[in-house]
Amino acid sequence: MCLSSSSSSPAAAATTLVAVNNILQYLLHFRRYSNGAVYRGQGRIDGKVVIVTGANSGIGKETALDLVNRGQHSALSLHDLHLFC
């Protein structure tokens, strides 16, 4: 598709540009939404209690370790305690 073609009207070119812009905006918002929220705070959270599921490995383990390092009391839901250590 060539936007500078002499056979296309300015209205068609403008409509095409609006459509391309809308698609790009949608893709940008979808990418931001797909990445999820990111918590960047490093503050202390003493006295809070949280239950962390899936704390044997992966993101659950990393989350539990980070929360404990920040002063939180954590209750861990583990399948096998030896996998956590």
Protein backbone atom coordinates (compact mmCIF):
# COMPACT_ATOMS: atom_id res chain seq x y z
CA MET A 1 0.00 0.00 0.00
CA CYS A 2 1.47 3.33 -1.06
CA LEU A 3 0.08 6.42 0.64
CA SER A 4 1.51 8.84 -1.95
CA SER A 5 -0.28 7.24 -4.87
CA SER A 6 -2.06 9.73 -7.12
CA SER A 7 -5.16 7.50 -7.23
CA SER A 8 -5.83 7.68 -3.47
CA SER A 9 -7.68 10.60 -2.02
CA PRO A 10 -6.42 12.59 0.95
CA ALA A 11 -9.36 11.27 2.97
CA ALA A 12 -8.37 7.66 2.28
CA ALA A 13 -4.77 8.41 3.24
CA ALA A 14 -5.90 10.05 6.47
CA THR A 15 -8.16 7.10 7.27
CA THR A 16 -5.26 4.71 6.69
CA LEU A 17 -2.98 6.74 8.96
CA VAL A 18 -5.62 6.79 11.70
CA ALA A 19 -6.05 3.02 11.40
CA VAL A 20 -2.29 2.43 11.61
CA ASN A 21 -2.06 4.76 14.60
CA ASN A 22 -4.88 2.92 16.35
CA ILE A 23 -3.21 -0.44 15.77
CA LEU A 24 0.12 0.83 17.12
CA GLN A 25 -1.58 2.32 20.19
CA TYR A 26 -3.38 -0.97 20.83
CA LEU A 27 -0.13 -2.94 20.56
CA LEU A 28 1.64 -0.54 22.92
CA HIS A 29 -1.11 -0.81 25.54
CA PHE A 30 -1.30 -4.58 25.14
CA ARG A 31 2.44 -4.88 25.72
CA ARG A 32 2.26 -2.74 28.86
CA TYR A 33 -0.71 -4.76 30.13
CA SER A 34 1.00 -8.07 29.36
CA ASN A 35 4.08 -7.13 31.37
CA GLY A 36 2.01 -6.74 34.52
CA ALA A 37 2.61 -4.47 37.45
CA VAL A 38 6.10 -3.95 38.79
CA TYR A 39 6.68 -3.06 42.42
CA ARG A 40 9.92 -1.15 42.83
CA GLY A 41 9.61 -0.18 46.49
CA GLN A 42 12.29 -1.23 48.95
CA GLY A 43 10.67 0.05 52.14
CA ARG A 44 10.33 -1.96 55.32
CA ILE A 45 6.99 -3.68 55.89
CA ASP A 46 7.42 -4.83 59.47
CA GLY A 47 4.43 -6.40 61.17
CA LYS A 48 2.60 -7.47 58.01
CA VAL A 49 1.66 -11.11 57.48
CA VAL A 50 1.37 -12.63 54.01
CA ILE A 51 0.71 -16.14 52.75
CA VAL A 52 2.94 -17.04 49.82
CA THR A 53 1.83 -20.03 47.78
CA GLY A 54 4.22 -21.95 45.57
CA ALA A 55 7.22 -20.95 47.66
CA ASN A 56 9.21 -24.11 46.84
CA SER A 57 10.84 -22.59 43.80
CA GLY A 58 10.66 -19.93 41.16
CA ILE A 59 8.89 -16.64 41.65
CA GLY A 60 7.14 -17.82 44.83
CA LYS A 61 10.46 -18.58 46.52
CA GLU A 62 12.00 -15.29 45.40
CA THR A 63 8.94 -13.38 46.59
CA ALA A 64 9.03 -15.07 49.99
CA LEU A 65 12.75 -14.39 50.43
CA ASP A 66 12.35 -10.73 49.46
CA LEU A 67 9.45 -10.24 51.85
CA VAL A 68 11.32 -11.82 54.75
CA ASN A 69 14.38 -9.65 54.03
CA ARG A 70 12.12 -6.61 54.26
CA GLY A 71 10.85 -7.57 57.73
CA GLN A 72 7.61 -9.35 56.96
CA HIS A 73 6.28 -12.43 58.69
CA SER A 74 5.50 -14.90 55.93
CA ALA A 75 3.45 -18.06 55.98
CA LEU A 76 4.68 -20.31 53.21
CA SER A 77 2.62 -22.89 51.41
CA LEU A 78 5.11 -25.62 50.52
CA HIS A 79 4.81 -29.07 49.01
CA ASP A 80 8.21 -30.14 50.33
CA LEU A 81 10.18 -28.21 52.95
CA HIS A 82 13.48 -29.68 51.72
CA LEU A 83 13.00 -28.03 48.31
CA PHE A 84 12.80 -24.59 49.91
CA CYS A 85 16.04 -24.80 51.87
